Amino acid sequence: MPVTRRVLGASLVLPLIRPAAAQEYPTRAVRMVIGFPPGGGVDIVARLIAPRLAEALGQPFLVENRAGANGNIAMDSVVQSAADGYALFYGNVGNLAVTNALYRNLNFDTSRDFIPIAQTMESFSVIAVSADLPIRTLPELMAYARANPGRLNAGSAGAGGPSHLALELFKRQFGLDIVHVPYRGSAPAILDLAGGRVQMIIDGYSLMRSAVEAGRVRVLAVTAVRREALLPEIPTTTEAGAPGFEAGSWHMLTAPRGTPQVALDRLEAALRRALADPTLVAAMAQQGVAARFRSQREAAAFFAAERERWTRVIREGNITLD
């Protein structure tokens, strides 16, 4: 009888121990891998968020930079890691929604191999022109492009990146013949825009703010559904004469598929709290981006729609980097 009691007691206690142990996640440092070098937009926002996750969950969250190939090196390293919640990928629209359409021979698929934990931010882009161009409204720009096919040069941060794809979407949506000029990043593209060597760009405002304030670049429209607090006098694309055109960027924290649900839930809850903190919201606003929380379910639906949208743009534009 004593033996029976001991066996029965153990059988009752063990099921209670397993969930309790799972609830302890994380028990050691967590890596947040990003696909860009230090100092860029994704890196800056990741380093704003990481300390909040560490504080909420009681373990270090270490930002690890693995730059190259539009984030493919970083994503591949996370997919090859154990799906235990200790290797996460923090990426943007170009990494998660675009890369599989641009690169045909990858070892991973972002839809198949990653699970969105939450969206963390969104940023708007603007349609801007060189101040040397005698154009002050978006309809004037579109009329100029139609009257001068192939004579308008548009810079971008690189072939296949968000600014390039936004340009391709703009061209196709409104039937415009504009020459794409790719650069190695936004900074040199905006420098040439300010110098008049290219005439237009569709990119993030925070990157060109100093050139706008210096009078070298003119913003014509915000590519968002509503006006932005940073540029209250600038119309949206719909208001300005390009209805339905929207383009911007977003970030998501993701995990390899197979990561325990308890880890995903704890990370989601920590991000929800962090992105409701006015201090973090203000810090992100200083970088020209808006805190934007979407839950696992919401982020997954949004990601699927974004991947479908940009894949269509890439296929129709016959854009590839392979």
C-alpha atoms as a PDB file:
ATOM      1  CA  MET A   1       0.000   0.000   0.000  1.00  0.00           C
ATOM      2  CA  PRO A   2       2.754   2.551   0.747  1.00  0.00           C
ATOM      3  CA  VAL A   3       4.359   1.676  -2.607  1.00  0.00           C
ATOM      4  CA  THR A   4       1.050   2.153  -4.393  1.00  0.00           C
ATOM      5  CA  ARG A   5       0.611   5.531  -2.742  1.00  0.00           C
ATOM      6  CA  ARG A   6       4.114   6.630  -3.797  1.00  0.00           C
ATOM      7  CA  VAL A   7       3.538   5.579  -7.423  1.00  0.00           C
ATOM      8  CA  LEU A   8       0.135   7.247  -7.512  1.00  0.00           C
ATOM      9  CA  GLY A   9       1.567  10.395  -5.941  1.00  0.00           C
ATOM     10  CA  ALA A  10       4.325  10.582  -8.531  1.00  0.00           C
ATOM     11  CA  SER A  11       1.841  10.168 -11.374  1.00  0.00           C
ATOM     12  CA  LEU A  12      -0.162  13.112 -10.060  1.00  0.00           C
ATOM     13  CA  VAL A  13       2.828  15.393  -9.497  1.00  0.00           C
ATOM     14  CA  LEU A  14       4.644  14.864 -12.822  1.00  0.00           C
ATOM     15  CA  PRO A  15       1.943  16.401 -15.044  1.00  0.00           C
ATOM     16  CA  LEU A  16       2.050  19.465 -12.816  1.00  0.00           C
ATOM     17  CA  ILE A  17       5.825  19.793 -13.058  1.00  0.00           C
ATOM     18  CA  ARG A  18       6.000  19.868 -16.876  1.00  0.00           C
ATOM     19  CA  PRO A  19       3.792  22.919 -17.453  1.00  0.00           C
ATOM     20  CA  ALA A  20       5.461  24.742 -14.578  1.00  0.00           C
ATOM     21  CA  ALA A  21       8.866  24.173 -16.179  1.00  0.00           C
ATOM     22  CA  ALA A  22       7.585  25.401 -19.544  1.00  0.00           C
ATOM     23  CA  GLN A  23       6.289  28.562 -17.945  1.00  0.00           C
ATOM     24  CA  GLU A  24       9.850  29.414 -16.887  1.00  0.00           C
ATOM     25  CA  TYR A  25      10.827  30.438 -20.440  1.00  0.00           C
ATOM     26  CA  PRO A  26      13.256  32.045 -20.897  1.00  0.00           C
ATOM     27  CA  THR A  27      15.861  30.560 -18.580  1.00  0.00           C
ATOM     28  CA  ARG A  28      18.884  31.971 -20.456  1.00  0.00           C
ATOM     29  CA  ALA A  29      19.823  34.676 -22.933  1.00  0.00           C
ATOM     30  CA  VAL A  30      17.769  35.022 -26.131  1.00  0.00           C
ATOM     31  CA  ARG A  31      19.310  36.041 -29.466  1.00  0.00           C
ATOM     32  CA  MET A  32      17.453  38.496 -31.720  1.00  0.00           C
ATOM     33  CA  VAL A  33      19.145  38.077 -35.101  1.00  0.00           C
ATOM     34  CA  ILE A  34      18.813  40.813 -37.733  1.00  0.00           C
ATOM     35  CA  GLY A  35      19.986  40.886 -41.326  1.00  0.00           C
ATOM     36  CA  PHE A  36      21.582  44.333 -41.390  1.00  0.00           C
ATOM     37  CA  PRO A  37      24.718  45.972 -39.980  1.00  0.00           C
ATOM     38  CA  PRO A  38      24.597  48.123 -36.832  1.00  0.00           C
ATOM     39  CA  GLY A  39      23.174  51.622 -37.172  1.00  0.00           C
ATOM     40  CA  GLY A  40      20.420  50.962 -39.708  1.00  0.00           C
ATOM     41  CA  GLY A  41      16.696  51.320 -39.111  1.00  0.00           C
ATOM     42  CA  VAL A  42      16.014  47.683 -38.209  1.00  0.00           C
ATOM     43  CA  ASP A  43      19.028  47.568 -35.895  1.00  0.00           C
ATOM     44  CA  ILE A  44      18.057  50.786 -34.105  1.00  0.00           C
ATOM     45  CA  VAL A  45      14.482  49.671 -33.418  1.00  0.00           C
ATOM     46  CA  ALA A  46      15.606  46.178 -32.370  1.00  0.00           C
ATOM     47  CA  ARG A  47      17.952  47.732 -29.810  1.00  0.00           C
ATOM     48  CA  LEU A  48      15.127  49.897 -28.463  1.00  0.00           C
ATOM     49  CA  ILE A  49      12.889  46.856 -28.004  1.00  0.00           C
ATOM     50  CA  ALA A  50      15.424  44.313 -26.696  1.00  0.00           C
ATOM     51  CA  PRO A  51      15.913  45.895 -23.229  1.00  0.00           C
ATOM     52  CA  ARG A  52      12.133  45.990 -22.711  1.00  0.00           C
ATOM     53  CA  LEU A  53      11.890  42.269 -23.453  1.00  0.00           C
ATOM     54  CA  ALA A  54      14.802  41.587 -21.117  1.00  0.00           C
ATOM     55  CA  GLU A  55      13.131  43.551 -18.343  1.00  0.00           C
ATOM     56  CA  ALA A  56       9.776  41.835 -18.838  1.00  0.00           C
ATOM     57  CA  LEU A  57      11.118  38.294 -19.125  1.00  0.00           C
ATOM     58  CA  GLY A  58      14.133  38.415 -16.823  1.00  0.00           C
ATOM     59  CA  GLN A  59      16.838  37.301 -19.260  1.00  0.00           C
ATOM     60  CA  PRO A  60      19.171  39.177 -21.642  1.00  0.00           C
ATOM     61  CA  PHE A  61      17.931  39.762 -25.203  1.00  0.00           C
ATOM     62  CA  LEU A  62      21.014  40.104 -27.391  1.00  0.00           C
ATOM     63  CA  VAL A  63      20.809  41.770 -30.812  1.00  0.00           C
ATOM     64  CA  GLU A  64      23.031  39.877 -33.258  1.00  0.00           C
ATOM     65  CA  ASN A  65      23.874  41.443 -36.634  1.00  0.00           C
ATOM     66  CA  ARG A  66      24.306  39.035 -39.554  1.00  0.00           C
ATOM     67  CA  ALA A  67      24.261  41.332 -42.559  1.00  0.00           C
ATOM     68  CA  GLY A  68      24.094  40.326 -46.202  1.00  0.00           C
ATOM     69  CA  ALA A  69      21.852  39.148 -49.057  1.00  0.00           C
ATOM     70  CA  ASN A  70      18.726  41.045 -47.982  1.00  0.00           C
ATOM     71  CA  GLY A  71      18.722  39.293 -44.616  1.00  0.00           C
ATOM     72  CA  ASN A  72      18.979  35.800 -46.093  1.00  0.00           C
ATOM     73  CA  ILE A  73      22.143  34.955 -44.143  1.00  0.00           C
ATOM     74  CA  ALA A  74      20.477  35.919 -40.881  1.00  0.00           C
ATOM     75  CA  MET A  75      17.228  34.106 -41.657  1.00  0.00           C
ATOM     76  CA  ASP A  76      19.038  30.944 -42.718  1.00  0.00           C
ATOM     77  CA  SER A  77      21.017  30.925 -39.458  1.00  0.00           C
ATOM     78  CA  VAL A  78      17.819  31.188 -37.402  1.00  0.00           C
ATOM     79  CA  VAL A  79      16.078  28.442 -39.372  1.00  0.00           C
ATOM     80  CA  GLN A  80      19.084  26.187 -38.719  1.00  0.00           C
ATOM     81  CA  SER A  81      18.891  26.895 -34.964  1.00  0.00           C
ATOM     82  CA  ALA A  82      16.859  24.870 -32.507  1.00  0.00           C
ATOM     83  CA  ALA A  83      13.190  25.885 -32.447  1.00  0.00           C
ATOM     84  CA  ASP A  84      13.232  26.500 -28.714  1.00  0.00           C
ATOM     85  CA  GLY A  85      12.620  30.245 -28.456  1.00  0.00           C
ATOM     86  CA  TYR A  86      16.256  31.214 -27.912  1.00  0.00           C
ATOM     87  CA  ALA A  87      17.023  32.217 -31.524  1.00  0.00           C
ATOM     88  CA  LEU A  88      14.574  34.719 -33.017  1.00  0.00           C
ATOM     89  CA  PHE A  89      14.605  36.703 -36.250  1.00  0.00           C
ATOM     90  CA  TYR A  90      13.710  40.399 -36.198  1.00  0.00           C
ATOM     91  CA  GLY A  91      13.074  41.551 -39.746  1.00  0.00           C
ATOM     92  CA  ASN A  92      11.300  43.969 -42.040  1.00  0.00           C
ATOM     93  CA  VAL A  93       9.018  43.766 -45.059  1.00  0.00           C
ATOM     94  CA  GLY A  94      11.966  43.266 -47.411  1.00  0.00           C
ATOM     95  CA  ASN A  95      13.246  40.272 -45.460  1.00  0.00           C
ATOM     96  CA  LEU A  96       9.999  38.516 -44.670  1.00  0.00           C
ATOM     97  CA  ALA A  97       7.540  39.402 -47.445  1.00  0.00           C
ATOM     98  CA  VAL A  98       9.861  39.909 -50.408  1.00  0.00           C
ATOM     99  CA  THR A  99      12.941  37.705 -50.261  1.00  0.00           C
ATOM    100  CA  ASN A 100      11.435  34.416 -51.511  1.00  0.00           C
ATOM    101  CA  ALA A 101      10.087  36.140 -54.626  1.00  0.00           C
ATOM    102  CA  LEU A 102      13.462  37.748 -55.373  1.00  0.00           C
ATOM    103  CA  TYR A 103      15.691  34.765 -54.665  1.00  0.00           C
ATOM    104  CA  ARG A 104      14.555  31.518 -56.263  1.00  0.00           C
ATOM    105  CA  ASN A 105      16.990  29.036 -54.672  1.00  0.00           C
ATOM    106  CA  LEU A 106      16.860  29.600 -50.924  1.00  0.00           C
ATOM    107  CA  ASN A 107      17.078  26.915 -48.259  1.00  0.00           C
ATOM    108  CA  PHE A 108      14.112  28.388 -46.419  1.00  0.00           C
ATOM    109  CA  ASP A 109      10.704  29.861 -47.057  1.00  0.00           C
ATOM    110  CA  THR A 110       9.528  32.659 -44.784  1.00  0.00           C
ATOM    111  CA  SER A 111       5.906  31.454 -44.803  1.00  0.00           C
ATOM    112  CA  ARG A 112       6.800  27.824 -44.156  1.00  0.00           C
ATOM    113  CA  ASP A 113       9.714  28.216 -41.753  1.00  0.00           C
ATOM    114  CA  PHE A 114       8.887  31.261 -39.608  1.00  0.00           C
ATOM    115  CA  ILE A 115       6.055  32.074 -37.210  1.00  0.00           C
ATOM    116  CA  PRO A 116       5.203  35.741 -36.592  1.00  0.00           C
ATOM    117  CA  ILE A 117       5.243  36.570 -32.882  1.00  0.00           C
ATOM    118  CA  ALA A 118       4.097  40.165 -33.282  1.00  0.00           C
ATOM    119  CA  GLN A 119       4.435  43.207 -35.495  1.00  0.00           C
ATOM    120  CA  THR A 120       6.316  45.975 -33.709  1.00  0.00           C
ATOM    121  CA  MET A 121       6.342  49.068 -35.934  1.00  0.00           C
ATOM    122  CA  GLU A 122       5.326  50.671 -39.183  1.00  0.00           C
ATOM    123  CA  SER A 123       6.833  53.586 -41.042  1.00  0.00           C
ATOM    124  CA  PHE A 124       5.527  55.679 -43.871  1.00  0.00           C
ATOM    125  CA  SER A 125       7.307  56.583 -47.061  1.00  0.00           C
ATOM    126  CA  VAL A 126       7.049  59.761 -49.090  1.00  0.00           C
ATOM    127  CA  ILE A 127       7.204  60.589 -52.769  1.00  0.00           C
ATOM    128  CA  ALA A 128       9.869  63.266 -53.078  1.00  0.00           C
ATOM    129  CA  VAL A 129      11.598  65.118 -55.897  1.00  0.00           C
ATOM    130  CA  SER A 130      14.772  67.109 -56.280  1.00  0.00           C
ATOM    131  CA  ALA A 131      14.272  70.822 -55.680  1.00  0.00           C
ATOM    132  CA  ASP A 132      15.907  71.320 -59.082  1.00  0.00           C
ATOM    133  CA  LEU A 133      12.815  69.834 -60.713  1.00  0.00           C
ATOM    134  CA  PRO A 134      10.119  72.508 -61.300  1.00  0.00           C
ATOM    135  CA  ILE A 135       7.384  70.270 -59.872  1.00  0.00           C
ATOM    136  CA  ARG A 136       5.389  70.989 -56.725  1.00  0.00           C
ATOM    137  CA  THR A 137       2.496  68.522 -56.745  1.00  0.00           C
ATOM    138  CA  LEU A 138       2.028  64.815 -57.384  1.00  0.00           C
ATOM    139  CA  PRO A 139      -0.263  65.368 -60.411  1.00  0.00           C
ATOM    140  CA  GLU A 140       2.468  67.559 -61.925  1.00  0.00           C
ATOM    141  CA  LEU A 141       5.005  64.773 -61.403  1.00  0.00           C
ATOM    142  CA  MET A 142       2.736  62.172 -63.005  1.00  0.00           C
ATOM    143  CA  ALA A 143       1.954  64.500 -65.926  1.00  0.00           C
ATOM    144  CA  TYR A 144       5.680  65.146 -66.436  1.00  0.00           C
ATOM    145  CA  ALA A 145       6.420  61.401 -66.456  1.00  0.00           C
ATOM    146  CA  ARG A 146       3.699  60.777 -69.051  1.00  0.00           C
ATOM    147  CA  ALA A 147       4.855  63.657 -71.240  1.00  0.00           C
ATOM    148  CA  ASN A 148       8.512  62.601 -70.977  1.00  0.00           C
ATOM    149  CA  PRO A 149       8.606  58.778 -70.936  1.00  0.00           C
ATOM    150  CA  GLY A 150      11.960  57.390 -69.824  1.00  0.00           C
ATOM    151  CA  ARG A 151      13.426  60.800 -68.938  1.00  0.00           C
ATOM    152  CA  LEU A 152      12.622  60.783 -65.225  1.00  0.00           C
ATOM    153  CA  ASN A 153      15.210  58.975 -63.086  1.00  0.00           C
ATOM    154  CA  ALA A 154      14.180  57.578 -59.704  1.00  0.00           C
ATOM    155  CA  GLY A 155      16.731  56.483 -57.123  1.00  0.00           C
ATOM    156  CA  SER A 156      16.266  53.631 -54.675  1.00  0.00           C
ATOM    157  CA  ALA A 157      18.149  52.041 -51.799  1.00  0.00           C
ATOM    158  CA  GLY A 158      18.892  49.020 -53.975  1.00  0.00           C
ATOM    159  CA  ALA A 159      17.362  46.577 -56.431  1.00  0.00           C
ATOM    160  CA  GLY A 160      14.623  44.562 -54.793  1.00  0.00           C
ATOM    161  CA  GLY A 161      14.427  46.685 -51.653  1.00  0.00           C
ATOM    162  CA  PRO A 162      11.263  48.369 -50.350  1.00  0.00           C
ATOM    163  CA  SER A 163      12.000  51.696 -52.079  1.00  0.00           C
ATOM    164  CA  HIS A 164      12.537  49.935 -55.425  1.00  0.00           C
ATOM    165  CA  LEU A 165       9.374  47.873 -55.077  1.00  0.00           C
ATOM    166  CA  ALA A 166       7.352  50.934 -54.081  1.00  0.00           C
ATOM    167  CA  LEU A 167       8.587  52.627 -57.262  1.00  0.00           C
ATOM    168  CA  GLU A 168       7.636  49.609 -59.400  1.00  0.00           C
ATOM    169  CA  LEU A 169       4.176  49.533 -57.817  1.00  0.00           C
ATOM    170  CA  PHE A 170       3.762  53.274 -58.464  1.00  0.00           C
ATOM    171  CA  LYS A 171       4.845  52.910 -62.112  1.00  0.00           C
ATOM    172  CA  ARG A 172       2.550  49.976 -62.783  1.00  0.00           C
ATOM    173  CA  GLN A 173      -0.446  51.317 -60.930  1.00  0.00           C
ATOM    174  CA  PHE A 174      -0.443  54.574 -62.912  1.00  0.00           C
ATOM    175  CA  GLY A 175       1.178  53.503 -66.191  1.00  0.00           C
ATOM    176  CA  LEU A 176       4.355  55.571 -65.855  1.00  0.00           C
ATOM    177  CA  ASP A 177       7.687  55.092 -67.647  1.00  0.00           C
ATOM    178  CA  ILE A 178      10.316  56.039 -65.046  1.00  0.00           C
ATOM    179  CA  VAL A 179      13.929  54.809 -65.052  1.00  0.00           C
ATOM    180  CA  HIS A 180      15.050  53.011 -61.882  1.00  0.00           C
ATOM    181  CA  VAL A 181      18.540  53.886 -60.593  1.00  0.00           C
ATOM    182  CA  PRO A 182      19.587  51.544 -57.760  1.00  0.00           C
ATOM    183  CA  TYR A 183      22.090  52.634 -55.081  1.00  0.00           C
ATOM    184  CA  ARG A 184      23.844  50.859 -52.242  1.00  0.00           C
ATOM    185  CA  GLY A 185      21.506  52.157 -49.585  1.00  0.00           C
ATOM    186  CA  SER A 186      19.212  55.108 -49.082  1.00  0.00           C
ATOM    187  CA  ALA A 187      21.901  57.579 -48.018  1.00  0.00           C
ATOM    188  CA  PRO A 188      23.735  57.800 -51.375  1.00  0.00           C
ATOM    189  CA  ALA A 189      20.414  57.789 -53.265  1.00  0.00           C
ATOM    190  CA  ILE A 190      19.141  60.756 -51.255  1.00  0.00           C
ATOM    191  CA  LEU A 191      22.477  62.521 -51.623  1.00  0.00           C
ATOM    192  CA  ASP A 192      22.136  62.301 -55.406  1.00  0.00           C
ATOM    193  CA  LEU A 193      18.489  63.361 -55.184  1.00  0.00           C
ATOM    194  CA  ALA A 194      19.521  66.485 -53.256  1.00  0.00           C
ATOM    195  CA  GLY A 195      22.214  67.111 -55.867  1.00  0.00           C
ATOM    196  CA  GLY A 196      19.792  66.740 -58.769  1.00  0.00           C
ATOM    197  CA  ARG A 197      21.504  63.679 -60.255  1.00  0.00           C
ATOM    198  CA  VAL A 198      18.245  61.736 -59.893  1.00  0.00           C
ATOM    199  CA  GLN A 199      14.879  63.461 -59.921  1.00  0.00           C
ATOM    200  CA  MET A 200      12.661  61.463 -57.550  1.00  0.00           C
ATOM    201  CA  ILE A 201      12.519  58.800 -54.879  1.00  0.00           C
ATOM    202  CA  ILE A 202       9.968  56.898 -52.796  1.00  0.00           C
ATOM    203  CA  ASP A 203      11.538  56.237 -49.409  1.00  0.00           C
ATOM    204  CA  GLY A 204      11.315  56.904 -45.679  1.00  0.00           C
ATOM    205  CA  TYR A 205      11.032  60.546 -44.678  1.00  0.00           C
ATOM    206  CA  SER A 206      13.380  60.282 -41.692  1.00  0.00           C
ATOM    207  CA  LEU A 207      16.214  59.457 -44.079  1.00  0.00           C
ATOM    208  CA  MET A 208      15.746  62.615 -46.167  1.00  0.00           C
ATOM    209  CA  ARG A 209      14.547  65.017 -43.486  1.00  0.00           C
ATOM    210  CA  SER A 210      17.735  67.078 -43.381  1.00  0.00           C
ATOM    211  CA  ALA A 211      17.753  67.469 -47.174  1.00  0.00           C
ATOM    212  CA  VAL A 212      14.093  68.570 -47.095  1.00  0.00           C
ATOM    213  CA  GLU A 213      14.751  71.099 -44.335  1.00  0.00           C
ATOM    214  CA  ALA A 214      17.745  72.408 -46.301  1.00  0.00           C
ATOM    215  CA  GLY A 215      15.487  73.045 -49.297  1.00  0.00           C
ATOM    216  CA  ARG A 216      17.219  70.524 -51.568  1.00  0.00           C
ATOM    217  CA  VAL A 217      14.395  67.949 -51.644  1.00  0.00           C
ATOM    218  CA  ARG A 218      10.654  68.570 -51.945  1.00  0.00           C
ATOM    219  CA  VAL A 219       8.066  66.133 -50.530  1.00  0.00           C
ATOM    220  CA  LEU A 220       4.932  65.786 -52.669  1.00  0.00           C
ATOM    221  CA  ALA A 221       2.891  63.143 -50.875  1.00  0.00           C
ATOM    222  CA  VAL A 222       2.817  60.667 -48.003  1.00  0.00           C
ATOM    223  CA  THR A 223       2.242  57.052 -49.097  1.00  0.00           C
ATOM    224  CA  ALA A 224      -0.170  56.266 -46.269  1.00  0.00           C
ATOM    225  CA  VAL A 225      -3.895  56.207 -45.625  1.00  0.00           C
ATOM    226  CA  ARG A 226      -3.785  59.264 -43.362  1.00  0.00           C
ATOM    227  CA  ARG A 227      -1.640  62.361 -42.955  1.00  0.00           C
ATOM    228  CA  GLU A 228       1.382  62.032 -40.715  1.00  0.00           C
ATOM    229  CA  ALA A 229       2.053  64.115 -37.616  1.00  0.00           C
ATOM    230  CA  LEU A 230       5.603  64.861 -38.799  1.00  0.00           C
ATOM    231  CA  LEU A 231       4.268  66.323 -42.070  1.00  0.00           C
ATOM    232  CA  PRO A 232       0.754  67.569 -41.364  1.00  0.00           C
ATOM    233  CA  GLU A 233       0.723  69.868 -44.378  1.00  0.00           C
ATOM    234  CA  ILE A 234       1.667  67.119 -46.868  1.00  0.00           C
ATOM    235  CA  PRO A 235      -1.284  65.295 -48.500  1.00  0.00           C
ATOM    236  CA  THR A 236      -1.627  61.538 -48.705  1.00  0.00           C
ATOM    237  CA  THR A 237      -1.253  59.943 -52.122  1.00  0.00           C
ATOM    238  CA  THR A 238      -5.030  59.540 -52.353  1.00  0.00           C
ATOM    239  CA  GLU A 239      -5.572  63.199 -51.501  1.00  0.00           C
ATOM    240  CA  ALA A 240      -2.835  64.234 -53.934  1.00  0.00           C
ATOM    241  CA  GLY A 241      -4.198  62.372 -56.948  1.00  0.00           C
ATOM    242  CA  ALA A 242      -2.840  58.808 -56.735  1.00  0.00           C
ATOM    243  CA  PRO A 243      -5.762  56.962 -55.109  1.00  0.00           C
ATOM    244  CA  GLY A 244      -5.054  53.596 -53.541  1.00  0.00           C
ATOM    245  CA  PHE A 245      -1.273  53.848 -53.654  1.00  0.00           C
ATOM    246  CA  GLU A 246       0.261  52.914 -50.316  1.00  0.00           C
ATOM    247  CA  ALA A 247       3.809  51.854 -49.496  1.00  0.00           C
ATOM    248  CA  GLY A 248       5.819  51.774 -46.321  1.00  0.00           C
ATOM    249  CA  SER A 249       7.781  49.452 -44.094  1.00  0.00           C
ATOM    250  CA  TRP A 250       7.101  47.330 -41.040  1.00  0.00           C
ATOM    251  CA  HIS A 251       9.010  45.092 -38.646  1.00  0.00           C
ATOM    252  CA  MET A 252       8.097  41.769 -37.050  1.00  0.00           C
ATOM    253  CA  LEU A 253       9.646  39.524 -34.449  1.00  0.00           C
ATOM    254  CA  THR A 254       9.487  35.928 -35.649  1.00  0.00           C
ATOM    255  CA  ALA A 255      10.574  32.475 -34.499  1.00  0.00           C
ATOM    256  CA  PRO A 256      11.412  29.228 -36.292  1.00  0.00           C
ATOM    257  CA  ARG A 257       8.329  27.095 -36.858  1.00  0.00           C
ATOM    258  CA  GLY A 258       8.041  24.496 -34.115  1.00  0.00           C
ATOM    259  CA  THR A 259       8.921  26.933 -31.321  1.00  0.00           C
ATOM    260  CA  PRO A 260       6.860  26.049 -28.208  1.00  0.00           C
ATOM    261  CA  GLN A 261       3.621  27.977 -27.988  1.00  0.00           C
ATOM    262  CA  VAL A 262       4.329  29.012 -24.405  1.00  0.00           C
ATOM    263  CA  ALA A 263       7.463  30.836 -25.590  1.00  0.00           C
ATOM    264  CA  LEU A 264       5.556  32.557 -28.400  1.00  0.00           C
ATOM    265  CA  ASP A 265       2.823  33.625 -26.000  1.00  0.00           C
ATOM    266  CA  ARG A 266       5.246  35.036 -23.430  1.00  0.00           C
ATOM    267  CA  LEU A 267       7.125  36.982 -26.099  1.00  0.00           C
ATOM    268  CA  GLU A 268       3.887  38.312 -27.588  1.00  0.00           C
ATOM    269  CA  ALA A 269       2.641  39.461 -24.175  1.00  0.00           C
ATOM    270  CA  ALA A 270       5.970  41.177 -23.422  1.00  0.00           C
ATOM    271  CA  LEU A 271       5.887  42.988 -26.765  1.00  0.00           C
ATOM    272  CA  ARG A 272       2.294  44.067 -26.232  1.00  0.00           C
ATOM    273  CA  ARG A 273       3.256  45.696 -22.925  1.00  0.00           C
ATOM    274  CA  ALA A 274       6.459  47.231 -24.313  1.00  0.00           C
ATOM    275  CA  LEU A 275       4.739  48.825 -27.297  1.00  0.00           C
ATOM    276  CA  ALA A 276       2.135  50.387 -25.013  1.00  0.00           C
ATOM    277  CA  ASP A 277       4.872  52.143 -23.020  1.00  0.00           C
ATOM    278  CA  PRO A 278       4.864  55.874 -23.866  1.00  0.00           C
ATOM    279  CA  THR A 279       8.632  56.028 -23.364  1.00  0.00           C
ATOM    280  CA  LEU A 280       9.272  53.431 -26.069  1.00  0.00           C
ATOM    281  CA  VAL A 281       6.628  54.965 -28.346  1.00  0.00           C
ATOM    282  CA  ALA A 282       8.374  58.342 -28.039  1.00  0.00           C
ATOM    283  CA  ALA A 283      11.814  56.822 -28.641  1.00  0.00           C
ATOM    284  CA  MET A 284      10.559  55.159 -31.820  1.00  0.00           C
ATOM    285  CA  ALA A 285       8.892  58.368 -32.973  1.00  0.00           C
ATOM    286  CA  GLN A 286      12.251  60.125 -32.691  1.00  0.00           C
ATOM    287  CA  GLN A 287      13.498  57.635 -35.282  1.00  0.00           C
ATOM    288  CA  GLY A 288      10.612  58.516 -37.600  1.00  0.00           C
ATOM    289  CA  VAL A 289       8.682  55.276 -37.049  1.00  0.00           C
ATOM    290  CA  ALA A 290       5.440  54.442 -35.246  1.00  0.00           C
ATOM    291  CA  ALA A 291       4.967  51.691 -32.698  1.00  0.00           C
ATOM    292  CA  ARG A 292       2.428  49.239 -34.155  1.00  0.00           C
ATOM    293  CA  PHE A 293       1.457  46.082 -32.293  1.00  0.00           C
ATOM    294  CA  ARG A 294      -0.224  43.188 -34.054  1.00  0.00           C
ATOM    295  CA  SER A 295      -0.737  39.892 -32.205  1.00  0.00           C
ATOM    296  CA  GLN A 296       0.383  36.500 -33.492  1.00  0.00           C
ATOM    297  CA  ARG A 297      -2.892  35.911 -35.310  1.00  0.00           C
ATOM    298  CA  GLU A 298      -3.113  39.469 -36.680  1.00  0.00           C
ATOM    299  CA  ALA A 299       0.554  39.544 -37.694  1.00  0.00           C
ATOM    300  CA  ALA A 300       0.253  36.218 -39.525  1.00  0.00           C
ATOM    301  CA  ALA A 301      -2.711  37.461 -41.592  1.00  0.00           C
ATOM    302  CA  PHE A 302      -1.004  40.786 -42.332  1.00  0.00           C
ATOM    303  CA  PHE A 303       2.245  39.056 -43.307  1.00  0.00           C
ATOM    304  CA  ALA A 304       0.429  36.700 -45.700  1.00  0.00           C
ATOM    305  CA  ALA A 305      -1.324  39.620 -47.405  1.00  0.00           C
ATOM    306  CA  GLU A 306       1.910  41.609 -47.691  1.00  0.00           C
ATOM    307  CA  ARG A 307       3.819  38.664 -49.129  1.00  0.00           C
ATOM    308  CA  GLU A 308       1.107  38.117 -51.745  1.00  0.00           C
ATOM    309  CA  ARG A 309       1.051  41.816 -52.667  1.00  0.00           C
ATOM    310  CA  TRP A 310       4.790  42.261 -53.120  1.00  0.00           C
ATOM    311  CA  THR A 311       5.249  38.887 -54.830  1.00  0.00           C
ATOM    312  CA  ARG A 312       2.738  40.031 -57.433  1.00  0.00           C
ATOM    313  CA  VAL A 313       4.665  43.303 -57.971  1.00  0.00           C
ATOM    314  CA  ILE A 314       7.948  41.381 -58.348  1.00  0.00           C
ATOM    315  CA  ARG A 315       6.503  38.840 -60.778  1.00  0.00           C
ATOM    316  CA  GLU A 316       4.766  41.471 -62.909  1.00  0.00           C
ATOM    317  CA  GLY A 317       7.918  43.590 -62.977  1.00  0.00           C
ATOM    318  CA  ASN A 318      10.117  40.559 -63.749  1.00  0.00           C
ATOM    319  CA  ILE A 319      12.445  41.562 -60.897  1.00  0.00           C
ATOM    320  CA  THR A 320      14.966  38.987 -59.699  1.00  0.00           C
ATOM    321  CA  LEU A 321      18.297  39.061 -57.898  1.00  0.00           C
ATOM    322  CA  ASP A 322      19.360  35.469 -58.659  1.00  0.00           C
END
